[in-house]
Amino acid sequence: MTNTTKKPSKKSGGWSTVRPHLAAWDTPALLALVKDLYDAAAENRDFIQARCHTGASGGEALEKYRRKIMEQFYPARGEGKLRLGEARKAIRDYRKATGNLSGTAELLMTYVENGAQFTHEYGDIDESFYDSVESVLDELATLLRGEARGLYPQFRNRLAIVEQITDGMGWGFHDFIADVVGQLEEELGGP
């Protein structure tokens, strides 16, 4: 019996195809390409600005991504749309553009704070909302236990406030928050 199934071939036109061409370009041509990408979409502009202007604090780029997160909970006009995927995407995009751990931790904390405050103000949301906030808190905790261990003191009080805000909330939400915050304090809080 003959096996007639073919192995899937690699998609043509990927990075490996483009890279050799770009490697041969001179600086003005590459700058022109980057400018075209910059002009083509707001997302590209945000990425390029974040990559070029990230300092230790993250500055203007960090604030732009923070606003993207906050907009999903508390928009300038109307009610929060709670497109949490957009808020999470802002965090991923920032980290990908900058690699800045401090800024990434700040954006994760912003998401958790806004999620906790939103449900505190508006009452029960739904399971997927709570799962998302818990997942982001878990991601922050993992970062603080690992690569960003030295940043815990900056977030200690804010995490305690989130725990207080969620006190009495159902769906196991407060229990999860309290467990994570308590574990972080136990592991990283010091004397």
N, C-alpha and C. Protein backbone atom coordinates (compact mmCIF):
# COMPACT_ATOMS: atom_id res chain seq x y z
N MET A 1 0.85 -1.18 0.00
CA MET A 1 0.00 0.00 0.00
C MET A 1 0.89 1.23 0.00
N THR A 2 0.60 2.16 -0.85
CA THR A 2 1.41 3.35 -1.02
C THR A 2 0.75 4.53 -0.32
N ASN A 3 1.56 5.27 0.40
CA ASN A 3 1.06 6.47 1.08
C ASN A 3 1.07 7.61 0.08
N THR A 4 -0.10 8.11 -0.26
CA THR A 4 -0.19 9.16 -1.27
C THR A 4 -0.35 10.54 -0.67
N THR A 5 -0.38 10.62 0.65
CA THR A 5 -0.52 11.94 1.25
C THR A 5 0.81 12.68 1.18
N LYS A 6 0.71 13.92 0.83
CA LYS A 6 1.91 14.76 0.73
C LYS A 6 2.11 15.52 2.02
N LYS A 7 3.35 15.75 2.32
CA LYS A 7 3.64 16.62 3.45
C LYS A 7 3.26 18.03 3.05
N PRO A 8 2.68 18.77 3.97
CA PRO A 8 2.36 20.15 3.61
C PRO A 8 3.64 20.93 3.33
N SER A 9 3.61 21.67 2.25
CA SER A 9 4.79 22.46 1.90
C SER A 9 4.75 23.78 2.64
N LYS A 10 5.93 24.34 2.84
CA LYS A 10 6.02 25.63 3.50
C LYS A 10 5.39 26.69 2.62
N LYS A 11 4.68 27.59 3.23
CA LYS A 11 4.03 28.64 2.47
C LYS A 11 5.09 29.51 1.81
N SER A 12 4.94 29.72 0.52
CA SER A 12 5.90 30.57 -0.18
C SER A 12 5.60 32.02 0.14
N GLY A 13 6.61 32.84 0.03
CA GLY A 13 6.42 34.26 0.26
C GLY A 13 6.57 34.67 1.71
N GLY A 14 7.08 33.82 2.55
CA GLY A 14 7.27 34.14 3.96
C GLY A 14 8.51 35.00 4.17
N TRP A 15 8.85 35.18 5.44
CA TRP A 15 9.99 36.00 5.82
C TRP A 15 11.28 35.54 5.15
N SER A 16 11.46 34.22 5.05
CA SER A 16 12.70 33.71 4.45
C SER A 16 12.84 34.11 3.00
N THR A 17 11.75 34.40 2.35
CA THR A 17 11.80 34.87 0.96
C THR A 17 12.11 36.36 0.90
N VAL A 18 11.56 37.11 1.82
CA VAL A 18 11.70 38.56 1.82
C VAL A 18 13.06 39.01 2.37
N ARG A 19 13.53 38.34 3.39
CA ARG A 19 14.74 38.75 4.10
C ARG A 19 15.95 38.98 3.18
N PRO A 20 16.27 38.06 2.28
CA PRO A 20 17.45 38.29 1.42
C PRO A 20 17.32 39.55 0.55
N HIS A 21 16.10 39.85 0.13
CA HIS A 21 15.90 41.06 -0.68
C HIS A 21 16.16 42.31 0.16
N LEU A 22 15.61 42.31 1.37
CA LEU A 22 15.80 43.48 2.23
C LEU A 22 17.26 43.64 2.65
N ALA A 23 17.94 42.54 2.84
CA ALA A 23 19.35 42.59 3.24
C ALA A 23 20.21 43.28 2.18
N ALA A 24 19.76 43.25 0.95
CA ALA A 24 20.52 43.86 -0.14
C ALA A 24 20.20 45.34 -0.33
N TRP A 25 19.18 45.84 0.34
CA TRP A 25 18.78 47.24 0.17
C TRP A 25 19.71 48.16 0.95
N ASP A 26 19.85 49.38 0.43
CA ASP A 26 20.65 50.38 1.14
C ASP A 26 19.75 51.10 2.16
N THR A 27 20.37 51.87 3.02
CA THR A 27 19.65 52.53 4.10
C THR A 27 18.51 53.43 3.61
N PRO A 28 18.69 54.28 2.61
CA PRO A 28 17.56 55.10 2.17
C PRO A 28 16.36 54.28 1.70
N ALA A 29 16.60 53.16 1.03
CA ALA A 29 15.49 52.32 0.57
C ALA A 29 14.77 51.69 1.76
N LEU A 30 15.53 51.24 2.75
CA LEU A 30 14.91 50.66 3.94
C LEU A 30 14.11 51.71 4.71
N LEU A 31 14.66 52.91 4.83
CA LEU A 31 13.94 54.00 5.50
C LEU A 31 12.65 54.34 4.77
N ALA A 32 12.69 54.34 3.45
CA ALA A 32 11.48 54.61 2.66
C ALA A 32 10.43 53.53 2.90
N LEU A 33 10.85 52.27 2.99
CA LEU A 33 9.93 51.18 3.26
C LEU A 33 9.31 51.34 4.65
N VAL A 34 10.12 51.65 5.64
CA VAL A 34 9.61 51.84 6.99
C VAL A 34 8.63 53.01 7.03
N LYS A 35 8.94 54.08 6.32
CA LYS A 35 8.02 55.22 6.27
C LYS A 35 6.70 54.82 5.63
N ASP A 36 6.75 54.06 4.55
CA ASP A 36 5.52 53.59 3.91
C ASP A 36 4.69 52.74 4.87
N LEU A 37 5.36 51.86 5.62
CA LEU A 37 4.65 51.05 6.61
C LEU A 37 4.07 51.93 7.71
N TYR A 38 4.84 52.92 8.14
CA TYR A 38 4.40 53.87 9.17
C TYR A 38 3.13 54.59 8.72
N ASP A 39 3.13 55.03 7.46
CA ASP A 39 1.99 55.76 6.92
C ASP A 39 0.78 54.86 6.63
N ALA A 40 1.01 53.57 6.46
CA ALA A 40 -0.05 52.66 6.01
C ALA A 40 -1.09 52.36 7.08
N ALA A 41 -0.70 52.32 8.36
CA ALA A 41 -1.67 51.92 9.38
C ALA A 41 -1.28 52.46 10.75
N ALA A 42 -2.29 52.81 11.54
CA ALA A 42 -2.06 53.33 12.89
C ALA A 42 -1.33 52.30 13.75
N GLU A 43 -1.66 51.04 13.58
CA GLU A 43 -1.00 49.99 14.35
C GLU A 43 0.50 49.96 14.06
N ASN A 44 0.88 50.15 12.80
CA ASN A 44 2.30 50.20 12.43
C ASN A 44 2.98 51.41 13.08
N ARG A 45 2.29 52.57 13.07
CA ARG A 45 2.84 53.78 13.68
C ARG A 45 3.11 53.55 15.17
N ASP A 46 2.12 52.96 15.85
CA ASP A 46 2.28 52.70 17.28
C ASP A 46 3.47 51.78 17.54
N PHE A 47 3.60 50.74 16.74
CA PHE A 47 4.70 49.79 16.90
C PHE A 47 6.04 50.47 16.68
N ILE A 48 6.16 51.23 15.61
CA ILE A 48 7.44 51.89 15.28
C ILE A 48 7.78 52.94 16.33
N GLN A 49 6.79 53.71 16.77
CA GLN A 49 7.05 54.71 17.81
C GLN A 49 7.47 54.05 19.11
N ALA A 50 6.80 52.96 19.46
CA ALA A 50 7.17 52.26 20.70
C ALA A 50 8.59 51.71 20.60
N ARG A 51 8.94 51.16 19.46
CA ARG A 51 10.28 50.59 19.29
C ARG A 51 11.34 51.69 19.36
N CYS A 52 11.03 52.85 18.84
CA CYS A 52 12.03 53.92 18.77
C CYS A 52 12.10 54.79 20.02
N HIS A 53 11.03 54.88 20.78
CA HIS A 53 10.99 55.84 21.89
C HIS A 53 10.89 55.22 23.26
N THR A 54 11.22 53.97 23.40
CA THR A 54 11.10 53.34 24.70
C THR A 54 12.34 53.59 25.52
N GLY A 55 12.13 54.21 26.65
CA GLY A 55 13.20 54.39 27.63
C GLY A 55 12.92 53.47 28.79
N ALA A 56 13.56 53.70 29.88
CA ALA A 56 13.37 52.86 31.07
C ALA A 56 11.92 52.91 31.56
N SER A 57 11.27 54.08 31.43
CA SER A 57 9.91 54.21 31.93
C SER A 57 8.86 53.89 30.88
N GLY A 58 9.23 53.85 29.62
CA GLY A 58 8.26 53.56 28.57
C GLY A 58 7.66 54.82 27.99
N GLY A 59 7.55 55.88 28.78
CA GLY A 59 7.13 57.19 28.33
C GLY A 59 5.84 57.24 27.53
N GLU A 60 5.89 58.00 26.46
CA GLU A 60 4.73 58.27 25.62
C GLU A 60 4.16 56.99 25.00
N ALA A 61 5.02 56.10 24.57
CA ALA A 61 4.56 54.85 23.97
C ALA A 61 3.76 54.04 24.98
N LEU A 62 4.24 53.95 26.20
CA LEU A 62 3.54 53.22 27.23
C LEU A 62 2.16 53.81 27.47
N GLU A 63 2.08 55.13 27.51
CA GLU A 63 0.79 55.79 27.74
C GLU A 63 -0.19 55.52 26.61
N LYS A 64 0.29 55.47 25.40
CA LYS A 64 -0.58 55.19 24.26
C LYS A 64 -1.18 53.79 24.39
N TYR A 65 -0.38 52.82 24.76
CA TYR A 65 -0.88 51.46 24.93
C TYR A 65 -1.78 51.36 26.17
N ARG A 66 -1.45 52.09 27.21
CA ARG A 66 -2.30 52.10 28.41
C ARG A 66 -3.70 52.64 28.05
N ARG A 67 -3.74 53.69 27.25
CA ARG A 67 -5.03 54.25 26.84
C ARG A 67 -5.85 53.23 26.05
N LYS A 68 -5.17 52.43 25.24
CA LYS A 68 -5.88 51.40 24.47
C LYS A 68 -6.56 50.41 25.40
N ILE A 69 -5.90 50.08 26.49
CA ILE A 69 -6.48 49.15 27.47
C ILE A 69 -7.64 49.82 28.19
N MET A 70 -7.41 51.00 28.70
CA MET A 70 -8.43 51.70 29.48
C MET A 70 -9.67 52.01 28.65
N GLU A 71 -9.47 52.24 27.37
CA GLU A 71 -10.59 52.55 26.47
C GLU A 71 -11.61 51.42 26.42
N GLN A 72 -11.17 50.20 26.59
CA GLN A 72 -12.10 49.06 26.55
C GLN A 72 -12.99 49.02 27.79
N PHE A 73 -12.52 49.56 28.88
CA PHE A 73 -13.29 49.59 30.12
C PHE A 73 -14.01 50.93 30.29
N TYR A 74 -13.29 52.00 30.08
CA TYR A 74 -13.80 53.35 30.32
C TYR A 74 -13.48 54.26 29.14
N PRO A 75 -14.28 54.17 28.07
CA PRO A 75 -14.01 55.02 26.91
C PRO A 75 -14.32 56.48 27.22
N ALA A 76 -13.76 57.36 26.42
CA ALA A 76 -14.00 58.79 26.59
C ALA A 76 -15.49 59.11 26.42
N ARG A 77 -16.16 58.36 25.57
CA ARG A 77 -17.60 58.56 25.35
C ARG A 77 -18.31 57.22 25.41
N GLY A 78 -19.46 57.22 25.99
CA GLY A 78 -20.27 56.01 26.02
C GLY A 78 -19.82 55.04 27.10
N GLU A 79 -20.31 53.82 26.96
CA GLU A 79 -20.00 52.78 27.93
C GLU A 79 -18.90 51.88 27.40
N GLY A 80 -18.23 51.21 28.31
CA GLY A 80 -17.15 50.31 27.94
C GLY A 80 -17.65 49.18 27.06
N LYS A 81 -16.93 48.91 26.00
CA LYS A 81 -17.31 47.84 25.07
C LYS A 81 -16.81 46.48 25.55
N LEU A 82 -15.83 46.51 26.45
CA LEU A 82 -15.24 45.29 27.00
C LEU A 82 -14.75 44.35 25.90
N ARG A 83 -14.15 44.92 24.88
CA ARG A 83 -13.47 44.09 23.88
C ARG A 83 -12.11 43.75 24.48
N LEU A 84 -12.15 42.77 25.35
CA LEU A 84 -10.96 42.44 26.13
C LEU A 84 -9.83 41.91 25.27
N GLY A 85 -10.17 41.31 24.15
CA GLY A 85 -9.14 40.85 23.21
C GLY A 85 -8.31 42.02 22.70
N GLU A 86 -8.95 43.17 22.49
CA GLU A 86 -8.23 44.37 22.04
C GLU A 86 -7.29 44.87 23.13
N ALA A 87 -7.76 44.82 24.36
CA ALA A 87 -6.91 45.26 25.48
C ALA A 87 -5.72 44.32 25.64
N ARG A 88 -5.96 43.03 25.52
CA ARG A 88 -4.86 42.05 25.63
C ARG A 88 -3.88 42.21 24.47
N LYS A 89 -4.41 42.50 23.30
CA LYS A 89 -3.57 42.71 22.12
C LYS A 89 -2.64 43.91 22.33
N ALA A 90 -3.14 44.94 22.97
CA ALA A 90 -2.31 46.11 23.25
C ALA A 90 -1.11 45.72 24.10
N ILE A 91 -1.33 44.86 25.07
CA ILE A 91 -0.23 44.41 25.94
C ILE A 91 0.79 43.61 25.12
N ARG A 92 0.29 42.67 24.32
CA ARG A 92 1.19 41.86 23.48
C ARG A 92 1.96 42.72 22.49
N ASP A 93 1.27 43.66 21.87
CA ASP A 93 1.91 44.53 20.88
C ASP A 93 3.01 45.37 21.52
N TYR A 94 2.72 45.91 22.70
CA TYR A 94 3.71 46.72 23.40
C TYR A 94 4.96 45.89 23.71
N ARG A 95 4.73 44.71 24.26
CA ARG A 95 5.87 43.87 24.64
C ARG A 95 6.68 43.47 23.42
N LYS A 96 5.99 43.15 22.34
CA LYS A 96 6.67 42.76 21.10
C LYS A 96 7.46 43.93 20.53
N ALA A 97 6.91 45.11 20.60
CA ALA A 97 7.57 46.29 20.04
C ALA A 97 8.75 46.74 20.88
N THR A 98 8.64 46.59 22.20
CA THR A 98 9.65 47.20 23.07
C THR A 98 10.51 46.21 23.84
N GLY A 99 9.94 45.10 24.22
CA GLY A 99 10.66 44.17 25.09
C GLY A 99 10.82 44.72 26.49
N ASN A 100 10.16 45.82 26.80
CA ASN A 100 10.29 46.51 28.08
C ASN A 100 9.46 45.79 29.14
N LEU A 101 10.14 45.12 30.08
CA LEU A 101 9.44 44.35 31.12
C LEU A 101 8.66 45.24 32.08
N SER A 102 9.26 46.34 32.46
CA SER A 102 8.60 47.25 33.39
C SER A 102 7.30 47.78 32.78
N GLY A 103 7.36 48.20 31.54
CA GLY A 103 6.17 48.70 30.85
C GLY A 103 5.14 47.61 30.66
N THR A 104 5.58 46.42 30.32
CA THR A 104 4.66 45.30 30.14
C THR A 104 3.95 44.99 31.46
N ALA A 105 4.70 44.95 32.55
CA ALA A 105 4.09 44.71 33.86
C ALA A 105 3.10 45.82 34.19
N GLU A 106 3.44 47.05 33.85
CA GLU A 106 2.54 48.17 34.09
C GLU A 106 1.23 48.01 33.32
N LEU A 107 1.31 47.57 32.07
CA LEU A 107 0.11 47.38 31.27
C LEU A 107 -0.73 46.22 31.79
N LEU A 108 -0.09 45.15 32.21
CA LEU A 108 -0.82 44.04 32.82
C LEU A 108 -1.56 44.51 34.07
N MET A 109 -0.87 45.29 34.90
CA MET A 109 -1.48 45.80 36.12
C MET A 109 -2.64 46.74 35.78
N THR A 110 -2.48 47.56 34.78
CA THR A 110 -3.55 48.47 34.34
C THR A 110 -4.79 47.68 33.95
N TYR A 111 -4.59 46.60 33.22
CA TYR A 111 -5.71 45.74 32.81
C TYR A 111 -6.43 45.18 34.05
N VAL A 112 -5.68 44.63 34.98
CA VAL A 112 -6.26 44.03 36.17
C VAL A 112 -6.99 45.08 37.00
N GLU A 113 -6.38 46.23 37.19
CA GLU A 113 -7.01 47.30 37.97
C GLU A 113 -8.32 47.75 37.33
N ASN A 114 -8.30 47.95 36.03
CA ASN A 114 -9.51 48.41 35.34
C ASN A 114 -10.60 47.34 35.36
N GLY A 115 -10.21 46.08 35.21
CA GLY A 115 -11.18 45.00 35.29
C GLY A 115 -11.82 44.92 36.66
N ALA A 116 -11.01 45.01 37.70
CA ALA A 116 -11.54 44.97 39.06
C ALA A 116 -12.44 46.16 39.34
N GLN A 117 -12.00 47.34 38.94
CA GLN A 117 -12.81 48.54 39.17
C GLN A 117 -14.12 48.50 38.38
N PHE A 118 -14.06 47.99 37.16
CA PHE A 118 -15.25 47.93 36.32
C PHE A 118 -16.32 47.04 36.95
N THR A 119 -15.93 45.86 37.38
CA THR A 119 -16.92 44.96 37.99
C THR A 119 -17.36 45.47 39.36
N HIS A 120 -16.49 46.20 40.05
CA HIS A 120 -16.88 46.81 41.33
C HIS A 120 -17.98 47.85 41.09
N GLU A 121 -17.84 48.64 40.03
CA GLU A 121 -18.81 49.69 39.74
C GLU A 121 -20.11 49.17 39.12
N TYR A 122 -19.99 48.17 38.23
CA TYR A 122 -21.15 47.76 37.45
C TYR A 122 -21.73 46.41 37.85
N GLY A 123 -21.13 45.74 38.82
CA GLY A 123 -21.68 44.47 39.29
C GLY A 123 -21.18 43.29 38.47
N ASP A 124 -21.88 42.17 38.64
CA ASP A 124 -21.48 40.94 37.95
C ASP A 124 -21.42 41.15 36.44
N ILE A 125 -20.39 40.60 35.85
CA ILE A 125 -20.26 40.65 34.39
C ILE A 125 -20.57 39.24 33.90
N ASP A 126 -19.57 38.51 33.45
CA ASP A 126 -19.78 37.11 33.05
C ASP A 126 -18.49 36.34 33.26
N GLU A 127 -18.58 35.04 33.10
CA GLU A 127 -17.45 34.18 33.39
C GLU A 127 -16.24 34.50 32.53
N SER A 128 -16.46 34.78 31.24
CA SER A 128 -15.32 35.05 30.36
C SER A 128 -14.60 36.34 30.77
N PHE A 129 -15.34 37.31 31.28
CA PHE A 129 -14.72 38.54 31.78
C PHE A 129 -13.79 38.22 32.94
N TYR A 130 -14.30 37.49 33.92
CA TYR A 130 -13.50 37.15 35.09
C TYR A 130 -12.31 36.27 34.72
N ASP A 131 -12.54 35.32 33.81
CA ASP A 131 -11.44 34.47 33.36
C ASP A 131 -10.33 35.30 32.73
N SER A 132 -10.71 36.31 31.96
CA SER A 132 -9.72 37.15 31.29
C SER A 132 -8.90 37.95 32.30
N VAL A 133 -9.57 38.57 33.26
CA VAL A 133 -8.86 39.35 34.27
C VAL A 133 -7.95 38.44 35.10
N GLU A 134 -8.45 37.27 35.45
CA GLU A 134 -7.64 36.31 36.21
C GLU A 134 -6.42 35.87 35.41
N SER A 135 -6.61 35.65 34.14
CA SER A 135 -5.50 35.22 33.27
C SER A 135 -4.42 36.30 33.19
N VAL A 136 -4.84 37.54 33.09
CA VAL A 136 -3.87 38.64 33.02
C VAL A 136 -3.15 38.79 34.36
N LEU A 137 -3.88 38.65 35.46
CA LEU A 137 -3.23 38.69 36.77
C LEU A 137 -2.22 37.55 36.90
N ASP A 138 -2.58 36.39 36.42
CA ASP A 138 -1.67 35.25 36.47
C ASP A 138 -0.41 35.52 35.63
N GLU A 139 -0.60 36.15 34.48
CA GLU A 139 0.55 36.52 33.63
C GLU A 139 1.45 37.52 34.34
N LEU A 140 0.84 38.50 35.01
CA LEU A 140 1.61 39.48 35.78
C LEU A 140 2.38 38.78 36.90
N ALA A 141 1.71 37.88 37.61
CA ALA A 141 2.36 37.17 38.71
C ALA A 141 3.54 36.35 38.21
N THR A 142 3.38 35.70 37.07
CA THR A 142 4.48 34.92 36.48
C THR A 142 5.65 35.82 36.13
N LEU A 143 5.36 36.98 35.58
CA LEU A 143 6.41 37.95 35.23
C LEU A 143 7.13 38.43 36.49
N LEU A 144 6.36 38.73 37.54
CA LEU A 144 6.94 39.22 38.79
C LEU A 144 7.75 38.14 39.52
N ARG A 145 7.37 36.91 39.34
CA ARG A 145 8.13 35.81 39.96
C ARG A 145 9.39 35.49 39.18
N GLY A 146 9.43 35.89 37.92
CA GLY A 146 10.54 35.54 37.03
C GLY A 146 11.36 36.74 36.62
N GLU A 147 11.26 37.08 35.35
CA GLU A 147 12.09 38.12 34.74
C GLU A 147 12.00 39.48 35.45
N ALA A 148 10.83 39.80 35.95
CA ALA A 148 10.61 41.13 36.53
C ALA A 148 10.51 41.09 38.06
N ARG A 149 11.20 40.15 38.66
CA ARG A 149 11.13 39.95 40.11
C ARG A 149 11.38 41.24 40.90
N GLY A 150 12.33 42.01 40.48
CA GLY A 150 12.67 43.24 41.19
C GLY A 150 11.61 44.33 41.14
N LEU A 151 10.60 44.15 40.31
CA LEU A 151 9.55 45.16 40.16
C LEU A 151 8.41 45.00 41.17
N TYR A 152 8.38 43.89 41.89
CA TYR A 152 7.26 43.63 42.79
C TYR A 152 6.96 44.80 43.74
N PRO A 153 7.94 45.43 44.37
CA PRO A 153 7.62 46.53 45.29
C PRO A 153 6.79 47.65 44.63
N GLN A 154 6.97 47.87 43.34
CA GLN A 154 6.21 48.91 42.64
C GLN A 154 4.73 48.55 42.52
N PHE A 155 4.42 47.26 42.57
CA PHE A 155 3.05 46.81 42.35
C PHE A 155 2.36 46.31 43.61
N ARG A 156 3.10 46.19 44.67
CA ARG A 156 2.61 45.61 45.92
C ARG A 156 1.32 46.28 46.42
N ASN A 157 1.33 47.58 46.56
CA ASN A 157 0.15 48.30 47.07
C ASN A 157 -1.01 48.25 46.10
N ARG A 158 -0.71 48.35 44.82
CA ARG A 158 -1.78 48.32 43.81
C ARG A 158 -2.46 46.95 43.80
N LEU A 159 -1.68 45.89 43.96
CA LEU A 159 -2.26 44.56 44.02
C LEU A 159 -3.14 44.41 45.26
N ALA A 160 -2.70 44.96 46.39
CA ALA A 160 -3.50 44.90 47.62
C ALA A 160 -4.82 45.65 47.44
N ILE A 161 -4.79 46.76 46.72
CA ILE A 161 -6.03 47.52 46.46
C ILE A 161 -6.98 46.71 45.59
N VAL A 162 -6.45 46.03 44.57
CA VAL A 162 -7.29 45.17 43.73
C VAL A 162 -7.94 44.08 44.57
N GLU A 163 -7.17 43.51 45.47
CA GLU A 163 -7.74 42.49 46.36
C GLU A 163 -8.88 43.08 47.19
N GLN A 164 -8.68 44.28 47.73
CA GLN A 164 -9.72 44.91 48.54
C GLN A 164 -10.96 45.23 47.72
N ILE A 165 -10.76 45.75 46.51
CA ILE A 165 -11.89 46.13 45.64
C ILE A 165 -12.76 44.93 45.32
N THR A 166 -12.13 43.76 45.15
CA THR A 166 -12.87 42.57 44.73
C THR A 166 -13.48 41.80 45.89
N ASP A 167 -13.21 42.23 47.11
CA ASP A 167 -13.73 41.52 48.29
C ASP A 167 -15.24 41.36 48.18
N GLY A 168 -15.70 40.15 48.36
CA GLY A 168 -17.14 39.86 48.32
C GLY A 168 -17.67 39.53 46.94
N MET A 169 -16.85 39.62 45.91
CA MET A 169 -17.31 39.30 44.56
C MET A 169 -17.35 37.80 44.36
N GLY A 170 -18.35 37.37 43.60
CA GLY A 170 -18.56 35.95 43.37
C GLY A 170 -17.76 35.40 42.20
N TRP A 171 -18.25 34.28 41.68
CA TRP A 171 -17.64 33.55 40.58
C TRP A 171 -16.25 33.04 40.95
N GLY A 172 -15.89 33.10 42.22
CA GLY A 172 -14.55 32.70 42.64
C GLY A 172 -13.52 33.75 42.29
N PHE A 173 -14.00 34.91 41.82
CA PHE A 173 -13.10 35.98 41.35
C PHE A 173 -12.24 36.50 42.49
N HIS A 174 -12.89 36.91 43.57
CA HIS A 174 -12.11 37.44 44.70
C HIS A 174 -11.18 36.37 45.27
N ASP A 175 -11.66 35.15 45.35
CA ASP A 175 -10.82 34.08 45.88
C ASP A 175 -9.54 33.92 45.06
N PHE A 176 -9.69 33.96 43.74
CA PHE A 176 -8.52 33.83 42.87
C PHE A 176 -7.57 35.00 43.07
N ILE A 177 -8.12 36.22 43.08
CA ILE A 177 -7.31 37.43 43.27
C ILE A 177 -6.56 37.35 44.60
N ALA A 178 -7.29 37.01 45.66
CA ALA A 178 -6.70 36.94 47.00
C ALA A 178 -5.59 35.89 47.05
N ASP A 179 -5.81 34.76 46.40
CA ASP A 179 -4.79 33.70 46.39
C ASP A 179 -3.51 34.18 45.69
N VAL A 180 -3.67 34.76 44.52
CA VAL A 180 -2.50 35.21 43.76
C VAL A 180 -1.76 36.32 44.50
N VAL A 181 -2.50 37.31 44.99
CA VAL A 181 -1.88 38.43 45.71
C VAL A 181 -1.21 37.92 46.98
N GLY A 182 -1.86 37.02 47.68
CA GLY A 182 -1.27 36.46 48.90
C GLY A 182 0.00 35.67 48.62
N GLN A 183 -0.02 34.88 47.57
CA GLN A 183 1.17 34.10 47.21
C GLN A 183 2.33 35.02 46.82
N LEU A 184 2.03 36.06 46.05
CA LEU A 184 3.07 37.01 45.67
C LEU A 184 3.67 37.68 46.90
N GLU A 185 2.82 38.09 47.82
CA GLU A 185 3.30 38.74 49.03
C GLU A 185 4.16 37.78 49.84
N GLU A 186 3.72 36.54 49.95
CA GLU A 186 4.46 35.54 50.70
C GLU A 186 5.84 35.28 50.06
N GLU A 187 5.87 35.18 48.73
CA GLU A 187 7.10 34.85 48.02
C GLU A 187 8.04 36.04 47.86
N LEU A 188 7.47 37.23 47.63
CA LEU A 188 8.30 38.38 47.24
C LEU A 188 8.24 39.55 48.20
N GLY A 189 7.33 39.51 49.15
CA GLY A 189 7.10 40.65 50.03
C GLY A 189 8.24 40.97 50.98
N GLY A 190 8.98 39.98 51.37
CA GLY A 190 10.10 40.23 52.27
C GLY A 190 9.63 40.48 53.70
N PRO A 191 10.57 40.90 54.52
CA PRO A 191 10.25 41.11 55.94
C PRO A 191 9.37 42.31 56.18
